[in-house]
């Protein structure tokens, strides 16, 4: 008897769903009363509507009804179908109204984030200042930026907090999609697009620039010319000799600097 119940619960597992999730139900979107395999399918479809005012996103917690993909019965949100007894999702969260048959993702619900995450609860911690779950490798090992995940990726502009893509936390504490980060590095862009700080160790590059400057003598008219610079890495201001190749911060030795107007001295 117990075996037959388990077989019924697992019937159709991994056989239904969409490109985002494997699940045995569709959700009734309360905002437009349409059926979709998941909220991402809904959001993708509505984002393509011709009238901008008709475009909208589904709030996952607002879902109240689902339709079983096996027997086509519409019912209130629950893990098991009230008609055929099939488990609508091996993983189920009653808060997020979330179903997923691919439990290898190690889904878990974070009460502080208010949504479900993947990767295993033991591998993540919630940073209250950053406002999101981070890998345990970043515990006491990252610069906190308030609500750093609650904004859009500075490269592709997708909202980061509930994105399906992996996220990279840079040295400065700002975040972006990992794939966007690596693409940026491939294109020899080593500065955070938000704050302009260096995102990797640039010491070897700075040493090479030192050598280039030493080998490049400026014309006599420019040899005694000075400029004020702001360092993007340490935020210090310094007056340095002008050079066409670059200007070195007198505080942290970075060449990630920019020219600024001279400071205004008090009268």
C-alpha atoms as a PDB file:
ATOM      1  CA  UNK A   1       0.000   0.000   0.000  1.00  0.00           C
ATOM      2  CA  UNK A   2       2.763   2.405   0.997  1.00  0.00           C
ATOM      3  CA  UNK A   3       4.639   1.615  -2.208  1.00  0.00           C
ATOM      4  CA  UNK A   4       1.607   2.382  -4.373  1.00  0.00           C
ATOM      5  CA  UNK A   5       1.138   5.730  -2.593  1.00  0.00           C
ATOM      6  CA  UNK A   6       4.777   6.646  -3.237  1.00  0.00           C
ATOM      7  CA  UNK A   7       4.460   5.595  -6.867  1.00  0.00           C
ATOM      8  CA  UNK A   8       1.386   7.800  -7.208  1.00  0.00           C
ATOM      9  CA  UNK A   9       3.189  10.757  -5.598  1.00  0.00           C
ATOM     10  CA  UNK A  10       6.141  10.377  -7.982  1.00  0.00           C
ATOM     11  CA  UNK A  11       4.061   9.762 -11.110  1.00  0.00           C
ATOM     12  CA  UNK A  12       5.159  12.050 -13.966  1.00  0.00           C
ATOM     13  CA  UNK A  13       8.170  13.378 -12.066  1.00  0.00           C
ATOM     14  CA  UNK A  14      10.527  15.348 -14.359  1.00  0.00           C
ATOM     15  CA  UNK A  15       8.056  14.865 -17.215  1.00  0.00           C
ATOM     16  CA  UNK A  16       6.427  18.279 -17.031  1.00  0.00           C
ATOM     17  CA  UNK A  17       7.460  21.885 -16.681  1.00  0.00           C
ATOM     18  CA  UNK A  18       9.269  24.534 -18.692  1.00  0.00           C
ATOM     19  CA  UNK A  19      12.795  25.715 -19.472  1.00  0.00           C
ATOM     20  CA  UNK A  20      13.008  27.230 -15.992  1.00  0.00           C
ATOM     21  CA  UNK A  21      11.645  24.462 -13.743  1.00  0.00           C
ATOM     22  CA  UNK A  22      10.532  20.837 -13.887  1.00  0.00           C
ATOM     23  CA  UNK A  23       7.171  20.673 -12.102  1.00  0.00           C
ATOM     24  CA  UNK A  24       3.807  18.974 -12.443  1.00  0.00           C
ATOM     25  CA  UNK A  25       1.578  22.010 -12.305  1.00  0.00           C
ATOM     26  CA  UNK A  26       0.897  25.364 -13.896  1.00  0.00           C
ATOM     27  CA  UNK A  27       0.124  28.497 -11.940  1.00  0.00           C
ATOM     28  CA  UNK A  28      -2.888  30.753 -12.315  1.00  0.00           C
ATOM     29  CA  UNK A  29      -1.568  34.318 -12.448  1.00  0.00           C
ATOM     30  CA  UNK A  30      -3.933  36.423 -10.306  1.00  0.00           C
ATOM     31  CA  UNK A  31      -2.861  39.610 -12.088  1.00  0.00           C
ATOM     32  CA  UNK A  32      -4.164  38.546 -15.510  1.00  0.00           C
ATOM     33  CA  UNK A  33      -5.976  35.253 -14.754  1.00  0.00           C
ATOM     34  CA  UNK A  34      -3.835  33.366 -17.296  1.00  0.00           C
ATOM     35  CA  UNK A  35      -2.079  30.006 -16.853  1.00  0.00           C
ATOM     36  CA  UNK A  36       1.717  29.782 -17.024  1.00  0.00           C
ATOM     37  CA  UNK A  37       4.273  27.118 -16.194  1.00  0.00           C
ATOM     38  CA  UNK A  38       6.054  29.509 -13.823  1.00  0.00           C
ATOM     39  CA  UNK A  39       6.370  33.191 -12.961  1.00  0.00           C
ATOM     40  CA  UNK A  40       9.369  33.579 -15.276  1.00  0.00           C
ATOM     41  CA  UNK A  41       7.305  32.315 -18.217  1.00  0.00           C
ATOM     42  CA  UNK A  42       4.626  34.828 -17.222  1.00  0.00           C
ATOM     43  CA  UNK A  43       7.085  37.711 -16.954  1.00  0.00           C
ATOM     44  CA  UNK A  44       8.730  36.882 -20.280  1.00  0.00           C
ATOM     45  CA  UNK A  45       5.355  36.739 -22.030  1.00  0.00           C
ATOM     46  CA  UNK A  46       3.966  39.945 -20.540  1.00  0.00           C
ATOM     47  CA  UNK A  47       7.201  41.850 -21.194  1.00  0.00           C
ATOM     48  CA  UNK A  48       6.584  41.295 -24.916  1.00  0.00           C
ATOM     49  CA  UNK A  49       3.102  42.847 -24.939  1.00  0.00           C
ATOM     50  CA  UNK A  50       2.764  45.654 -27.466  1.00  0.00           C
ATOM     51  CA  UNK A  51       1.190  48.105 -25.024  1.00  0.00           C
ATOM     52  CA  UNK A  52       3.676  49.195 -22.333  1.00  0.00           C
ATOM     53  CA  UNK A  53       0.897  49.708 -19.774  1.00  0.00           C
ATOM     54  CA  UNK A  54      -0.116  46.045 -20.137  1.00  0.00           C
ATOM     55  CA  UNK A  55       3.358  44.797 -19.207  1.00  0.00           C
ATOM     56  CA  UNK A  56       3.663  43.565 -15.635  1.00  0.00           C
ATOM     57  CA  UNK A  57       5.391  41.029 -13.414  1.00  0.00           C
ATOM     58  CA  UNK A  58       3.897  38.313 -11.255  1.00  0.00           C
ATOM     59  CA  UNK A  59       4.429  38.472  -7.496  1.00  0.00           C
ATOM     60  CA  UNK A  60       5.084  34.860  -6.506  1.00  0.00           C
ATOM     61  CA  UNK A  61       3.402  35.124  -3.105  1.00  0.00           C
ATOM     62  CA  UNK A  62       0.133  36.271  -4.730  1.00  0.00           C
ATOM     63  CA  UNK A  63      -0.477  32.948  -6.508  1.00  0.00           C
ATOM     64  CA  UNK A  64      -3.515  31.201  -5.008  1.00  0.00           C
ATOM     65  CA  UNK A  65      -4.429  28.502  -7.535  1.00  0.00           C
ATOM     66  CA  UNK A  66      -2.547  25.923  -9.608  1.00  0.00           C
ATOM     67  CA  UNK A  67      -3.588  23.423 -12.280  1.00  0.00           C
ATOM     68  CA  UNK A  68      -2.283  19.856 -12.072  1.00  0.00           C
ATOM     69  CA  UNK A  69      -0.406  18.997 -15.273  1.00  0.00           C
ATOM     70  CA  UNK A  70      -1.334  15.301 -14.919  1.00  0.00           C
ATOM     71  CA  UNK A  71      -5.117  15.475 -14.437  1.00  0.00           C
ATOM     72  CA  UNK A  72      -5.761  19.131 -15.361  1.00  0.00           C
ATOM     73  CA  UNK A  73      -7.546  19.884 -12.070  1.00  0.00           C
ATOM     74  CA  UNK A  74      -7.471  23.466 -10.809  1.00  0.00           C
ATOM     75  CA  UNK A  75      -7.106  23.766  -7.042  1.00  0.00           C
ATOM     76  CA  UNK A  76      -5.693  25.916  -4.225  1.00  0.00           C
ATOM     77  CA  UNK A  77      -1.896  25.911  -3.853  1.00  0.00           C
ATOM     78  CA  UNK A  78      -0.670  22.707  -2.180  1.00  0.00           C
ATOM     79  CA  UNK A  79       2.111  20.182  -2.746  1.00  0.00           C
ATOM     80  CA  UNK A  80      -0.150  17.225  -3.611  1.00  0.00           C
ATOM     81  CA  UNK A  81      -2.961  17.262  -6.180  1.00  0.00           C
ATOM     82  CA  UNK A  82      -6.348  16.959  -4.466  1.00  0.00           C
ATOM     83  CA  UNK A  83      -7.738  14.922  -7.372  1.00  0.00           C
ATOM     84  CA  UNK A  84      -5.097  12.454  -8.597  1.00  0.00           C
ATOM     85  CA  UNK A  85      -2.706  12.419  -5.628  1.00  0.00           C
ATOM     86  CA  UNK A  86       0.374  13.374  -7.650  1.00  0.00           C
ATOM     87  CA  UNK A  87       3.045  15.457  -5.950  1.00  0.00           C
ATOM     88  CA  UNK A  88       3.103  18.706  -7.926  1.00  0.00           C
ATOM     89  CA  UNK A  89       6.713  19.349  -6.996  1.00  0.00           C
ATOM     90  CA  UNK A  90       9.299  17.305  -5.109  1.00  0.00           C
ATOM     91  CA  UNK A  91      10.374  20.571  -3.501  1.00  0.00           C
ATOM     92  CA  UNK A  92       7.526  22.791  -2.349  1.00  0.00           C
ATOM     93  CA  UNK A  93       7.499  26.122  -0.521  1.00  0.00           C
ATOM     94  CA  UNK A  94       4.120  27.274   0.743  1.00  0.00           C
ATOM     95  CA  UNK A  95       5.432  30.825   1.280  1.00  0.00           C
ATOM     96  CA  UNK A  96       6.800  31.373  -2.237  1.00  0.00           C
ATOM     97  CA  UNK A  97       4.146  29.115  -3.842  1.00  0.00           C
ATOM     98  CA  UNK A  98       7.104  27.415  -5.498  1.00  0.00           C
ATOM     99  CA  UNK A  99       7.324  23.892  -6.970  1.00  0.00           C
ATOM    100  CA  UNK A 100      10.369  22.104  -8.409  1.00  0.00           C
ATOM    101  CA  UNK A 101      11.103  18.443  -9.169  1.00  0.00           C
ATOM    102  CA  UNK A 102      14.855  19.009  -9.562  1.00  0.00           C
ATOM    103  CA  UNK A 103      15.850  18.706  -5.908  1.00  0.00           C
ATOM    104  CA  UNK A 104      19.510  18.372  -6.894  1.00  0.00           C
ATOM    105  CA  UNK A 105      19.541  22.171  -6.872  1.00  0.00           C
ATOM    106  CA  UNK A 106      19.337  21.941  -3.051  1.00  0.00           C
ATOM    107  CA  UNK A 107      16.583  24.519  -2.732  1.00  0.00           C
ATOM    108  CA  UNK A 108      15.907  26.209   0.590  1.00  0.00           C
ATOM    109  CA  UNK A 109      13.769  29.093   1.794  1.00  0.00           C
ATOM    110  CA  UNK A 110      15.523  32.064   3.399  1.00  0.00           C
ATOM    111  CA  UNK A 111      13.217  33.843   5.835  1.00  0.00           C
ATOM    112  CA  UNK A 112      15.356  36.997   5.753  1.00  0.00           C
ATOM    113  CA  UNK A 113      15.374  37.192   1.946  1.00  0.00           C
ATOM    114  CA  UNK A 114      11.727  36.143   1.851  1.00  0.00           C
ATOM    115  CA  UNK A 115      12.318  33.869  -1.162  1.00  0.00           C
ATOM    116  CA  UNK A 116      13.720  30.443  -2.019  1.00  0.00           C
ATOM    117  CA  UNK A 117      17.374  30.031  -2.927  1.00  0.00           C
ATOM    118  CA  UNK A 118      19.404  27.164  -4.427  1.00  0.00           C
ATOM    119  CA  UNK A 119      22.757  25.671  -3.481  1.00  0.00           C
ATOM    120  CA  UNK A 120      22.080  24.233  -0.013  1.00  0.00           C
ATOM    121  CA  UNK A 121      21.312  26.128   3.184  1.00  0.00           C
ATOM    122  CA  UNK A 122      24.595  24.998   4.763  1.00  0.00           C
ATOM    123  CA  UNK A 123      26.560  26.686   1.970  1.00  0.00           C
ATOM    124  CA  UNK A 124      25.054  30.145   2.439  1.00  0.00           C
ATOM    125  CA  UNK A 125      24.569  32.791   5.101  1.00  0.00           C
ATOM    126  CA  UNK A 126      22.353  35.863   5.084  1.00  0.00           C
ATOM    127  CA  UNK A 127      24.196  39.184   5.290  1.00  0.00           C
ATOM    128  CA  UNK A 128      21.796  41.597   6.959  1.00  0.00           C
ATOM    129  CA  UNK A 129      23.523  44.733   5.693  1.00  0.00           C
ATOM    130  CA  UNK A 130      23.868  43.551   2.088  1.00  0.00           C
ATOM    131  CA  UNK A 131      20.314  42.207   2.347  1.00  0.00           C
ATOM    132  CA  UNK A 132      20.890  38.860   0.647  1.00  0.00           C
ATOM    133  CA  UNK A 133      22.288  35.342   0.949  1.00  0.00           C
ATOM    134  CA  UNK A 134      25.985  34.981   0.153  1.00  0.00           C
ATOM    135  CA  UNK A 135      28.279  31.968  -0.073  1.00  0.00           C
ATOM    136  CA  UNK A 136      29.854  31.032   3.267  1.00  0.00           C
ATOM    137  CA  UNK A 137      33.245  31.692   1.628  1.00  0.00           C
ATOM    138  CA  UNK A 138      32.338  35.396   1.836  1.00  0.00           C
ATOM    139  CA  UNK A 139      31.531  35.370   5.556  1.00  0.00           C
ATOM    140  CA  UNK A 140      33.791  38.005   7.161  1.00  0.00           C
ATOM    141  CA  UNK A 141      35.463  38.198   3.750  1.00  0.00           C
ATOM    142  CA  UNK A 142      33.535  40.825   1.802  1.00  0.00           C
ATOM    143  CA  UNK A 143      32.922  44.550   1.944  1.00  0.00           C
ATOM    144  CA  UNK A 144      29.309  45.190   2.935  1.00  0.00           C
ATOM    145  CA  UNK A 145      27.268  47.573   0.799  1.00  0.00           C
ATOM    146  CA  UNK A 146      23.752  48.206   2.057  1.00  0.00           C
ATOM    147  CA  UNK A 147      21.186  46.325  -0.059  1.00  0.00           C
ATOM    148  CA  UNK A 148      23.867  45.598  -2.663  1.00  0.00           C
ATOM    149  CA  UNK A 149      21.780  42.842  -4.271  1.00  0.00           C
ATOM    150  CA  UNK A 150      18.574  44.845  -4.486  1.00  0.00           C
ATOM    151  CA  UNK A 151      19.430  46.598  -7.720  1.00  0.00           C
ATOM    152  CA  UNK A 152      19.956  45.764 -11.373  1.00  0.00           C
ATOM    153  CA  UNK A 153      23.103  44.233 -12.829  1.00  0.00           C
ATOM    154  CA  UNK A 154      25.133  47.219 -14.099  1.00  0.00           C
ATOM    155  CA  UNK A 155      25.925  45.336 -17.320  1.00  0.00           C
ATOM    156  CA  UNK A 156      22.703  43.611 -18.453  1.00  0.00           C
ATOM    157  CA  UNK A 157      20.279  45.514 -16.155  1.00  0.00           C
ATOM    158  CA  UNK A 158      18.451  42.386 -14.939  1.00  0.00           C
ATOM    159  CA  UNK A 159      17.307  42.648 -11.299  1.00  0.00           C
ATOM    160  CA  UNK A 160      19.837  40.735  -9.205  1.00  0.00           C
ATOM    161  CA  UNK A 161      17.992  39.873  -5.996  1.00  0.00           C
ATOM    162  CA  UNK A 162      15.840  37.096  -7.456  1.00  0.00           C
ATOM    163  CA  UNK A 163      17.755  36.407 -10.663  1.00  0.00           C
ATOM    164  CA  UNK A 164      18.255  32.775 -11.716  1.00  0.00           C
ATOM    165  CA  UNK A 165      21.857  33.528 -12.700  1.00  0.00           C
ATOM    166  CA  UNK A 166      24.917  33.300 -10.435  1.00  0.00           C
ATOM    167  CA  UNK A 167      26.108  36.562  -8.911  1.00  0.00           C
ATOM    168  CA  UNK A 168      29.638  37.847  -8.334  1.00  0.00           C
ATOM    169  CA  UNK A 169      30.523  40.040  -5.348  1.00  0.00           C
ATOM    170  CA  UNK A 170      33.403  42.349  -6.239  1.00  0.00           C
ATOM    171  CA  UNK A 171      36.156  43.634  -3.936  1.00  0.00           C
ATOM    172  CA  UNK A 172      34.296  46.923  -3.555  1.00  0.00           C
ATOM    173  CA  UNK A 173      31.151  45.115  -2.358  1.00  0.00           C
ATOM    174  CA  UNK A 174      29.057  45.830  -5.445  1.00  0.00           C
ATOM    175  CA  UNK A 175      27.454  42.950  -7.319  1.00  0.00           C
ATOM    176  CA  UNK A 176      26.721  41.830 -10.866  1.00  0.00           C
ATOM    177  CA  UNK A 177      25.988  38.600 -12.712  1.00  0.00           C
ATOM    178  CA  UNK A 178      28.990  36.260 -12.766  1.00  0.00           C
ATOM    179  CA  UNK A 179      28.743  35.853 -16.540  1.00  0.00           C
ATOM    180  CA  UNK A 180      28.681  39.642 -16.973  1.00  0.00           C
ATOM    181  CA  UNK A 181      31.684  39.946 -14.651  1.00  0.00           C
ATOM    182  CA  UNK A 182      33.745  37.433 -16.639  1.00  0.00           C
ATOM    183  CA  UNK A 183      32.724  39.014 -19.945  1.00  0.00           C
ATOM    184  CA  UNK A 184      33.857  42.389 -18.612  1.00  0.00           C
ATOM    185  CA  UNK A 185      37.242  40.920 -17.601  1.00  0.00           C
ATOM    186  CA  UNK A 186      37.595  39.366 -21.073  1.00  0.00           C
ATOM    187  CA  UNK A 187      37.214  42.841 -22.547  1.00  0.00           C
ATOM    188  CA  UNK A 188      40.066  44.163 -20.354  1.00  0.00           C
ATOM    189  CA  UNK A 189      37.773  46.230 -18.159  1.00  0.00           C
ATOM    190  CA  UNK A 190      39.007  45.875 -14.587  1.00  0.00           C
ATOM    191  CA  UNK A 191      36.991  48.586 -12.822  1.00  0.00           C
ATOM    192  CA  UNK A 192      33.637  48.323 -11.089  1.00  0.00           C
ATOM    193  CA  UNK A 193      31.045  49.943 -13.377  1.00  0.00           C
ATOM    194  CA  UNK A 194      29.344  51.458 -10.319  1.00  0.00           C
ATOM    195  CA  UNK A 195      32.174  52.952  -8.236  1.00  0.00           C
ATOM    196  CA  UNK A 196      35.181  52.611 -10.629  1.00  0.00           C
ATOM    197  CA  UNK A 197      37.365  50.785  -8.084  1.00  0.00           C
ATOM    198  CA  UNK A 198      39.760  48.102  -9.326  1.00  0.00           C
ATOM    199  CA  UNK A 199      38.114  44.683  -9.075  1.00  0.00           C
ATOM    200  CA  UNK A 200      41.267  42.542  -9.356  1.00  0.00           C
ATOM    201  CA  UNK A 201      44.871  42.811  -8.155  1.00  0.00           C
ATOM    202  CA  UNK A 202      46.448  45.371 -10.498  1.00  0.00           C
ATOM    203  CA  UNK A 203      49.907  45.571  -8.858  1.00  0.00           C
ATOM    204  CA  UNK A 204      51.694  43.962 -11.831  1.00  0.00           C
ATOM    205  CA  UNK A 205      49.998  46.402 -14.209  1.00  0.00           C
ATOM    206  CA  UNK A 206      50.966  49.373 -12.029  1.00  0.00           C
ATOM    207  CA  UNK A 207      54.587  48.162 -12.031  1.00  0.00           C
ATOM    208  CA  UNK A 208      54.558  47.969 -15.828  1.00  0.00           C
ATOM    209  CA  UNK A 209      53.183  51.518 -16.042  1.00  0.00           C
ATOM    210  CA  UNK A 210      55.966  52.657 -13.673  1.00  0.00           C
ATOM    211  CA  UNK A 211      58.499  51.265 -16.140  1.00  0.00           C
ATOM    212  CA  UNK A 212      56.775  52.870 -19.136  1.00  0.00           C
ATOM    213  CA  UNK A 213      56.688  56.278 -17.444  1.00  0.00           C
ATOM    214  CA  UNK A 214      60.345  56.010 -16.475  1.00  0.00           C
ATOM    215  CA  UNK A 215      61.211  55.243 -20.103  1.00  0.00           C
ATOM    216  CA  UNK A 216      59.041  58.042 -21.519  1.00  0.00           C
ATOM    217  CA  UNK A 217      60.482  61.521 -21.018  1.00  0.00           C
ATOM    218  CA  UNK A 218      57.933  64.312 -21.267  1.00  0.00           C
ATOM    219  CA  UNK A 219      58.690  67.429 -23.376  1.00  0.00           C
ATOM    220  CA  UNK A 220      60.409  70.186 -21.430  1.00  0.00           C
ATOM    221  CA  UNK A 221      57.279  72.372 -21.399  1.00  0.00           C
ATOM    222  CA  UNK A 222      55.430  69.650 -19.447  1.00  0.00           C
ATOM    223  CA  UNK A 223      58.144  68.398 -17.115  1.00  0.00           C
ATOM    224  CA  UNK A 224      57.222  70.712 -14.227  1.00  0.00           C
ATOM    225  CA  UNK A 225      53.486  70.767 -14.808  1.00  0.00           C
ATOM    226  CA  UNK A 226      51.372  69.391 -11.952  1.00  0.00           C
ATOM    227  CA  UNK A 227      47.758  68.198 -11.775  1.00  0.00           C
ATOM    228  CA  UNK A 228      45.391  67.198  -8.992  1.00  0.00           C
ATOM    229  CA  UNK A 229      44.031  63.657  -9.172  1.00  0.00           C
ATOM    230  CA  UNK A 230      41.382  61.607  -7.388  1.00  0.00           C
ATOM    231  CA  UNK A 231      42.167  57.938  -6.828  1.00  0.00           C
ATOM    232  CA  UNK A 232      39.246  55.641  -7.650  1.00  0.00           C
ATOM    233  CA  UNK A 233      40.713  52.915  -5.427  1.00  0.00           C
ATOM    234  CA  UNK A 234      41.325  54.781  -2.144  1.00  0.00           C
ATOM    235  CA  UNK A 235      39.420  58.064  -2.768  1.00  0.00           C
ATOM    236  CA  UNK A 236      42.491  60.099  -1.819  1.00  0.00           C
ATOM    237  CA  UNK A 237      43.373  63.327  -3.644  1.00  0.00           C
ATOM    238  CA  UNK A 238      46.977  64.041  -4.605  1.00  0.00           C
ATOM    239  CA  UNK A 239      48.928  66.647  -6.550  1.00  0.00           C
ATOM    240  CA  UNK A 240      51.286  64.877  -8.971  1.00  0.00           C
ATOM    241  CA  UNK A 241      53.454  65.654 -11.972  1.00  0.00           C
ATOM    242  CA  UNK A 242      51.547  65.431 -15.248  1.00  0.00           C
ATOM    243  CA  UNK A 243      52.384  62.519 -17.537  1.00  0.00           C
ATOM    244  CA  UNK A 244      50.687  61.443 -20.731  1.00  0.00           C
ATOM    245  CA  UNK A 245      50.723  57.740 -19.736  1.00  0.00           C
ATOM    246  CA  UNK A 246      49.088  58.043 -16.322  1.00  0.00           C
ATOM    247  CA  UNK A 247      49.026  59.572 -12.866  1.00  0.00           C
ATOM    248  CA  UNK A 248      50.011  57.557  -9.814  1.00  0.00           C
ATOM    249  CA  UNK A 249      48.175  57.939  -6.514  1.00  0.00           C
ATOM    250  CA  UNK A 250      50.584  59.108  -3.835  1.00  0.00           C
ATOM    251  CA  UNK A 251      48.650  57.205  -1.182  1.00  0.00           C
ATOM    252  CA  UNK A 252      48.062  53.676  -2.540  1.00  0.00           C
ATOM    253  CA  UNK A 253      50.257  53.730  -5.707  1.00  0.00           C
ATOM    254  CA  UNK A 254      47.296  52.974  -7.987  1.00  0.00           C
ATOM    255  CA  UNK A 255      47.060  54.350 -11.511  1.00  0.00           C
ATOM    256  CA  UNK A 256      43.273  54.036 -11.424  1.00  0.00           C
ATOM    257  CA  UNK A 257      42.975  57.802 -11.095  1.00  0.00           C
ATOM    258  CA  UNK A 258      41.336  60.785 -12.768  1.00  0.00           C
ATOM    259  CA  UNK A 259      42.202  64.469 -13.022  1.00  0.00           C
ATOM    260  CA  UNK A 260      40.142  66.856 -10.913  1.00  0.00           C
ATOM    261  CA  UNK A 261      39.996  70.570 -10.231  1.00  0.00           C
ATOM    262  CA  UNK A 262      42.381  71.840  -7.532  1.00  0.00           C
ATOM    263  CA  UNK A 263      40.901  71.815  -4.023  1.00  0.00           C
ATOM    264  CA  UNK A 264      39.464  75.113  -2.834  1.00  0.00           C
ATOM    265  CA  UNK A 265      41.466  76.346   0.140  1.00  0.00           C
ATOM    266  CA  UNK A 266      39.667  78.165   2.978  1.00  0.00           C
ATOM    267  CA  UNK A 267      39.973  81.948   2.865  1.00  0.00           C
END
